[in-house]
N, C-alpha and C. Protein backbone atom coordinates (compact mmCIF):
# COMPACT_ATOMS: atom_id res chain seq x y z
N MET A 1 16.98 -22.66 -10.53
CA MET A 1 16.94 -22.31 -9.12
C MET A 1 17.38 -20.86 -8.97
N LEU A 2 16.68 -20.11 -8.15
CA LEU A 2 17.01 -18.72 -7.91
C LEU A 2 18.11 -18.61 -6.86
N ALA A 3 19.07 -17.80 -7.13
CA ALA A 3 20.15 -17.57 -6.16
C ALA A 3 19.77 -16.40 -5.28
N TYR A 4 19.87 -16.56 -3.99
CA TYR A 4 19.56 -15.47 -3.06
C TYR A 4 20.85 -14.78 -2.71
N PRO A 5 20.97 -13.51 -2.65
CA PRO A 5 19.99 -12.45 -2.83
C PRO A 5 20.06 -11.79 -4.21
N ASP A 6 20.40 -12.52 -5.22
CA ASP A 6 20.54 -11.95 -6.55
C ASP A 6 19.26 -12.04 -7.37
N ILE A 7 18.12 -11.87 -6.73
CA ILE A 7 16.84 -11.90 -7.44
C ILE A 7 16.62 -10.52 -8.03
N ASP A 8 16.29 -10.48 -9.29
CA ASP A 8 16.04 -9.20 -9.96
C ASP A 8 14.75 -8.60 -9.41
N PRO A 9 14.79 -7.39 -8.83
CA PRO A 9 13.57 -6.79 -8.27
C PRO A 9 12.57 -6.35 -9.34
N VAL A 10 12.99 -6.27 -10.59
CA VAL A 10 12.09 -5.85 -11.66
C VAL A 10 11.45 -7.09 -12.28
N ALA A 11 10.11 -7.13 -12.20
CA ALA A 11 9.38 -8.26 -12.78
C ALA A 11 9.39 -8.18 -14.29
N PHE A 12 9.09 -6.99 -14.82
CA PHE A 12 9.15 -6.76 -16.26
C PHE A 12 9.24 -5.27 -16.52
N ALA A 13 9.67 -4.93 -17.71
CA ALA A 13 9.80 -3.52 -18.10
C ALA A 13 9.18 -3.33 -19.47
N ILE A 14 8.45 -2.22 -19.58
CA ILE A 14 7.89 -1.84 -20.88
C ILE A 14 8.47 -0.47 -21.18
N GLY A 15 9.46 -0.45 -22.05
CA GLY A 15 10.17 0.80 -22.32
C GLY A 15 10.86 1.29 -21.05
N PRO A 16 10.66 2.54 -20.70
CA PRO A 16 11.32 3.06 -19.50
C PRO A 16 10.57 2.72 -18.20
N VAL A 17 9.37 2.14 -18.31
CA VAL A 17 8.57 1.82 -17.13
C VAL A 17 8.94 0.44 -16.61
N LYS A 18 9.38 0.39 -15.36
CA LYS A 18 9.75 -0.87 -14.73
C LYS A 18 8.72 -1.23 -13.67
N VAL A 19 8.26 -2.46 -13.71
CA VAL A 19 7.31 -2.96 -12.72
C VAL A 19 8.05 -3.91 -11.80
N HIS A 20 8.07 -3.55 -10.51
CA HIS A 20 8.79 -4.34 -9.52
C HIS A 20 7.89 -5.41 -8.92
N TRP A 21 8.51 -6.46 -8.42
CA TRP A 21 7.77 -7.56 -7.82
C TRP A 21 6.94 -7.09 -6.64
N TYR A 22 7.49 -6.23 -5.79
CA TYR A 22 6.73 -5.81 -4.62
C TYR A 22 5.52 -4.98 -5.04
N GLY A 23 5.61 -4.24 -6.14
CA GLY A 23 4.47 -3.49 -6.65
C GLY A 23 3.36 -4.42 -7.12
N LEU A 24 3.76 -5.50 -7.79
CA LEU A 24 2.77 -6.50 -8.21
C LEU A 24 2.08 -7.12 -7.01
N MET A 25 2.83 -7.38 -5.96
CA MET A 25 2.25 -7.99 -4.76
C MET A 25 1.28 -7.03 -4.07
N TYR A 26 1.61 -5.74 -4.05
CA TYR A 26 0.67 -4.76 -3.50
C TYR A 26 -0.64 -4.81 -4.29
N VAL A 27 -0.55 -4.77 -5.60
CA VAL A 27 -1.74 -4.77 -6.44
C VAL A 27 -2.54 -6.06 -6.25
N LEU A 28 -1.88 -7.20 -6.24
CA LEU A 28 -2.58 -8.47 -6.04
C LEU A 28 -3.24 -8.52 -4.66
N GLY A 29 -2.56 -8.02 -3.65
CA GLY A 29 -3.14 -7.99 -2.30
C GLY A 29 -4.37 -7.10 -2.23
N PHE A 30 -4.30 -5.93 -2.83
CA PHE A 30 -5.46 -5.04 -2.83
C PHE A 30 -6.63 -5.65 -3.58
N ILE A 31 -6.35 -6.26 -4.73
CA ILE A 31 -7.42 -6.88 -5.52
C ILE A 31 -8.05 -8.05 -4.76
N ALA A 32 -7.23 -8.89 -4.16
CA ALA A 32 -7.76 -10.04 -3.42
C ALA A 32 -8.57 -9.57 -2.21
N GLY A 33 -8.07 -8.59 -1.47
CA GLY A 33 -8.80 -8.06 -0.32
C GLY A 33 -10.12 -7.43 -0.74
N TRP A 34 -10.09 -6.68 -1.82
CA TRP A 34 -11.30 -6.03 -2.33
C TRP A 34 -12.33 -7.08 -2.74
N TRP A 35 -11.89 -8.09 -3.49
CA TRP A 35 -12.79 -9.12 -3.98
C TRP A 35 -13.42 -9.90 -2.82
N LEU A 36 -12.60 -10.31 -1.87
CA LEU A 36 -13.12 -11.08 -0.73
C LEU A 36 -14.07 -10.23 0.12
N ALA A 37 -13.72 -8.98 0.35
CA ALA A 37 -14.57 -8.12 1.16
C ALA A 37 -15.89 -7.81 0.46
N ARG A 38 -15.86 -7.64 -0.85
CA ARG A 38 -17.11 -7.41 -1.59
C ARG A 38 -18.01 -8.63 -1.53
N ARG A 39 -17.43 -9.81 -1.58
CA ARG A 39 -18.23 -11.05 -1.45
C ARG A 39 -18.89 -11.13 -0.09
N ARG A 40 -18.13 -10.76 0.96
CA ARG A 40 -18.71 -10.80 2.32
C ARG A 40 -19.77 -9.73 2.48
N ALA A 41 -19.57 -8.58 1.87
CA ALA A 41 -20.56 -7.50 1.97
C ALA A 41 -21.86 -7.88 1.27
N ALA A 42 -21.78 -8.73 0.27
CA ALA A 42 -22.97 -9.15 -0.47
C ALA A 42 -23.76 -10.24 0.25
N MET A 43 -23.22 -10.79 1.31
CA MET A 43 -23.92 -11.85 2.04
C MET A 43 -25.12 -11.29 2.79
N PRO A 44 -26.15 -12.09 2.93
CA PRO A 44 -27.33 -11.64 3.68
C PRO A 44 -26.95 -11.30 5.14
N GLY A 45 -27.50 -10.22 5.62
CA GLY A 45 -27.25 -9.82 7.00
C GLY A 45 -26.02 -8.95 7.19
N SER A 46 -25.26 -8.72 6.15
CA SER A 46 -24.06 -7.89 6.26
C SER A 46 -24.46 -6.43 6.43
N THR A 47 -23.77 -5.74 7.30
CA THR A 47 -24.02 -4.30 7.49
C THR A 47 -23.16 -3.47 6.55
N TRP A 48 -22.33 -4.11 5.76
CA TRP A 48 -21.45 -3.41 4.82
C TRP A 48 -22.10 -3.37 3.45
N LYS A 49 -21.93 -2.26 2.79
CA LYS A 49 -22.35 -2.11 1.40
C LYS A 49 -21.10 -2.22 0.53
N PRO A 50 -21.26 -2.62 -0.72
CA PRO A 50 -20.08 -2.70 -1.60
C PRO A 50 -19.31 -1.38 -1.70
N ILE A 51 -20.01 -0.25 -1.66
CA ILE A 51 -19.32 1.04 -1.74
C ILE A 51 -18.45 1.27 -0.50
N ASP A 52 -18.89 0.76 0.66
CA ASP A 52 -18.07 0.86 1.88
C ASP A 52 -16.77 0.09 1.73
N VAL A 53 -16.86 -1.08 1.12
CA VAL A 53 -15.66 -1.89 0.88
C VAL A 53 -14.71 -1.17 -0.06
N ASP A 54 -15.26 -0.58 -1.12
CA ASP A 54 -14.43 0.16 -2.07
C ASP A 54 -13.68 1.28 -1.36
N ASP A 55 -14.39 2.01 -0.51
CA ASP A 55 -13.77 3.12 0.21
C ASP A 55 -12.71 2.63 1.20
N LEU A 56 -13.01 1.52 1.89
CA LEU A 56 -12.04 0.98 2.84
C LEU A 56 -10.75 0.56 2.13
N ILE A 57 -10.87 -0.11 0.99
CA ILE A 57 -9.68 -0.53 0.25
C ILE A 57 -8.92 0.69 -0.26
N PHE A 58 -9.62 1.72 -0.69
CA PHE A 58 -8.96 2.94 -1.12
C PHE A 58 -8.17 3.57 0.03
N PHE A 59 -8.80 3.70 1.19
CA PHE A 59 -8.10 4.26 2.36
C PHE A 59 -6.88 3.42 2.70
N ALA A 60 -7.03 2.09 2.70
CA ALA A 60 -5.91 1.21 3.03
C ALA A 60 -4.78 1.34 2.01
N ALA A 61 -5.12 1.43 0.73
CA ALA A 61 -4.10 1.56 -0.31
C ALA A 61 -3.32 2.86 -0.15
N VAL A 62 -4.03 3.95 0.07
CA VAL A 62 -3.35 5.23 0.28
C VAL A 62 -2.49 5.16 1.54
N GLY A 63 -3.02 4.55 2.59
CA GLY A 63 -2.27 4.42 3.84
C GLY A 63 -0.98 3.64 3.69
N VAL A 64 -1.04 2.52 2.98
CA VAL A 64 0.17 1.70 2.82
C VAL A 64 1.20 2.40 1.95
N ILE A 65 0.76 3.10 0.92
CA ILE A 65 1.72 3.77 0.03
C ILE A 65 2.35 4.98 0.72
N VAL A 66 1.51 5.83 1.32
CA VAL A 66 2.04 7.02 1.99
C VAL A 66 2.86 6.61 3.22
N GLY A 67 2.33 5.70 4.02
CA GLY A 67 3.06 5.26 5.21
C GLY A 67 4.36 4.55 4.87
N GLY A 68 4.32 3.70 3.85
CA GLY A 68 5.53 2.99 3.44
C GLY A 68 6.61 3.93 2.95
N ARG A 69 6.21 4.93 2.22
CA ARG A 69 7.18 5.90 1.70
C ARG A 69 7.75 6.77 2.82
N PHE A 70 6.86 7.29 3.68
CA PHE A 70 7.33 8.10 4.82
C PHE A 70 8.24 7.28 5.72
N GLY A 71 7.85 6.04 5.98
CA GLY A 71 8.67 5.17 6.84
C GLY A 71 10.05 4.95 6.26
N TRP A 72 10.12 4.70 4.96
CA TRP A 72 11.43 4.47 4.34
C TRP A 72 12.28 5.74 4.40
N MET A 73 11.65 6.87 4.10
CA MET A 73 12.41 8.13 4.10
C MET A 73 12.91 8.47 5.51
N LEU A 74 12.10 8.22 6.53
CA LEU A 74 12.51 8.54 7.90
C LEU A 74 13.57 7.59 8.43
N PHE A 75 13.46 6.29 8.11
CA PHE A 75 14.40 5.32 8.65
C PHE A 75 15.65 5.11 7.80
N TYR A 76 15.51 5.19 6.48
CA TYR A 76 16.62 4.83 5.60
C TYR A 76 17.08 5.95 4.68
N GLY A 77 16.27 6.95 4.45
CA GLY A 77 16.62 7.98 3.49
C GLY A 77 16.59 9.38 4.07
N LEU A 78 16.84 9.50 5.37
CA LEU A 78 16.75 10.80 6.01
C LEU A 78 17.79 11.78 5.47
N ASP A 79 18.99 11.31 5.21
CA ASP A 79 20.02 12.19 4.63
C ASP A 79 19.60 12.69 3.25
N ASN A 80 19.06 11.78 2.46
CA ASN A 80 18.57 12.14 1.13
C ASN A 80 17.42 13.15 1.24
N LEU A 81 16.56 12.96 2.23
CA LEU A 81 15.42 13.86 2.43
C LEU A 81 15.88 15.26 2.83
N ARG A 82 16.92 15.33 3.64
CA ARG A 82 17.46 16.64 4.03
C ARG A 82 18.04 17.39 2.85
N GLU A 83 18.74 16.67 1.98
CA GLU A 83 19.35 17.30 0.81
C GLU A 83 18.32 17.66 -0.25
N ASP A 84 17.29 16.82 -0.42
CA ASP A 84 16.29 17.03 -1.46
C ASP A 84 14.91 16.66 -0.92
N PRO A 85 14.19 17.63 -0.33
CA PRO A 85 12.87 17.32 0.25
C PRO A 85 11.86 16.75 -0.75
N LEU A 86 12.01 17.04 -2.03
CA LEU A 86 11.08 16.50 -3.02
C LEU A 86 11.29 15.01 -3.29
N ALA A 87 12.36 14.44 -2.74
CA ALA A 87 12.62 13.01 -2.92
C ALA A 87 11.50 12.16 -2.34
N ILE A 88 10.76 12.71 -1.39
CA ILE A 88 9.68 11.94 -0.76
C ILE A 88 8.56 11.60 -1.74
N ILE A 89 8.37 12.40 -2.77
CA ILE A 89 7.30 12.11 -3.73
C ILE A 89 7.78 11.27 -4.91
N ARG A 90 9.06 11.02 -5.02
CA ARG A 90 9.59 10.23 -6.14
C ARG A 90 9.55 8.74 -5.81
N VAL A 91 8.35 8.19 -5.79
CA VAL A 91 8.19 6.78 -5.44
C VAL A 91 8.77 5.86 -6.51
N TRP A 92 8.92 6.33 -7.72
CA TRP A 92 9.46 5.50 -8.80
C TRP A 92 10.95 5.23 -8.60
N GLU A 93 11.58 5.96 -7.69
CA GLU A 93 13.00 5.71 -7.40
C GLU A 93 13.16 4.64 -6.33
N GLY A 94 12.06 4.10 -5.85
CA GLY A 94 12.10 3.04 -4.86
C GLY A 94 12.09 3.57 -3.45
N GLY A 95 11.90 2.66 -2.54
CA GLY A 95 11.93 3.00 -1.13
C GLY A 95 10.58 2.94 -0.45
N MET A 96 10.23 1.76 0.02
CA MET A 96 9.01 1.56 0.80
C MET A 96 9.40 0.67 1.98
N SER A 97 8.88 0.99 3.16
CA SER A 97 9.19 0.15 4.32
C SER A 97 7.93 -0.53 4.82
N PHE A 98 8.10 -1.76 5.27
CA PHE A 98 6.96 -2.51 5.78
C PHE A 98 6.38 -1.85 7.02
N HIS A 99 7.24 -1.47 7.95
CA HIS A 99 6.74 -0.91 9.21
C HIS A 99 6.04 0.43 8.97
N GLY A 100 6.52 1.23 8.06
CA GLY A 100 5.83 2.47 7.72
C GLY A 100 4.48 2.21 7.06
N GLY A 101 4.44 1.22 6.18
CA GLY A 101 3.19 0.85 5.54
C GLY A 101 2.17 0.32 6.53
N LEU A 102 2.64 -0.47 7.48
CA LEU A 102 1.75 -1.00 8.51
C LEU A 102 1.14 0.12 9.34
N VAL A 103 1.95 1.07 9.76
CA VAL A 103 1.45 2.21 10.53
C VAL A 103 0.50 3.04 9.66
N GLY A 104 0.85 3.24 8.40
CA GLY A 104 -0.01 3.99 7.50
C GLY A 104 -1.37 3.35 7.32
N VAL A 105 -1.42 2.03 7.17
CA VAL A 105 -2.69 1.33 7.03
C VAL A 105 -3.50 1.43 8.32
N MET A 106 -2.84 1.27 9.44
CA MET A 106 -3.56 1.36 10.72
C MET A 106 -4.19 2.74 10.89
N VAL A 107 -3.45 3.78 10.58
CA VAL A 107 -3.98 5.15 10.69
C VAL A 107 -5.12 5.37 9.70
N ALA A 108 -4.94 4.93 8.46
CA ALA A 108 -5.96 5.14 7.43
C ALA A 108 -7.25 4.39 7.76
N VAL A 109 -7.14 3.15 8.23
CA VAL A 109 -8.33 2.37 8.56
C VAL A 109 -9.02 2.93 9.80
N ALA A 110 -8.25 3.39 10.76
CA ALA A 110 -8.86 4.04 11.94
C ALA A 110 -9.59 5.31 11.54
N TRP A 111 -9.01 6.07 10.63
CA TRP A 111 -9.65 7.29 10.14
C TRP A 111 -10.94 6.95 9.40
N PHE A 112 -10.88 5.91 8.55
CA PHE A 112 -12.07 5.45 7.84
C PHE A 112 -13.17 5.06 8.83
N ALA A 113 -12.81 4.26 9.83
CA ALA A 113 -13.79 3.78 10.81
C ALA A 113 -14.40 4.94 11.59
N ARG A 114 -13.59 5.90 11.94
CA ARG A 114 -14.10 7.06 12.69
C ARG A 114 -15.05 7.90 11.83
N ARG A 115 -14.71 8.11 10.58
CA ARG A 115 -15.56 8.91 9.68
C ARG A 115 -16.89 8.23 9.40
N ARG A 116 -16.89 6.90 9.36
CA ARG A 116 -18.10 6.14 9.03
C ARG A 116 -18.82 5.59 10.26
N ASP A 117 -18.35 5.92 11.46
CA ASP A 117 -18.92 5.38 12.70
C ASP A 117 -18.98 3.86 12.66
N ARG A 118 -17.84 3.27 12.33
CA ARG A 118 -17.71 1.81 12.22
C ARG A 118 -16.73 1.31 13.26
N ARG A 119 -16.94 0.08 13.64
CA ARG A 119 -15.96 -0.63 14.47
C ARG A 119 -15.34 -1.68 13.59
N ILE A 120 -14.03 -1.65 13.50
CA ILE A 120 -13.35 -2.63 12.63
C ILE A 120 -12.53 -3.58 13.48
C-alpha cells in the first residue's frame, strides 16, 4: 500500500536522468490524444487530415509545457525567477502548474485554430 504523501515522484532513473510520474502522464496523454484524433480524422466525412492532427497535438504539447512552466514560475517561483531569470528554462529542476498548463493549451489551440481557419 502506498503511503500518502510519501510517493516517490521519480518513476525510474537511468544514470543521471530521472523520469517523473507526471512526465510519463504527459507523454501518455499526448500519445492517446494523438492516436484517437488520428483515428477520427481517418473516418469518412472528416474535414481533418492526419497532418492537421499532428500539428494540433504539437501546438497543445508546446502550450502545456510552456504554460505550465510560466505558471509555476509566476505563482510559486517568482523569488527564484527574480534572482535567476534563466531558471525559467531549467525544466529538469521541476516546476509545472496545472493552471498555467491549462491556459497555455487554451492559447496554443486558439492560435492553431486561428492560423488554420478552424473552429474547435
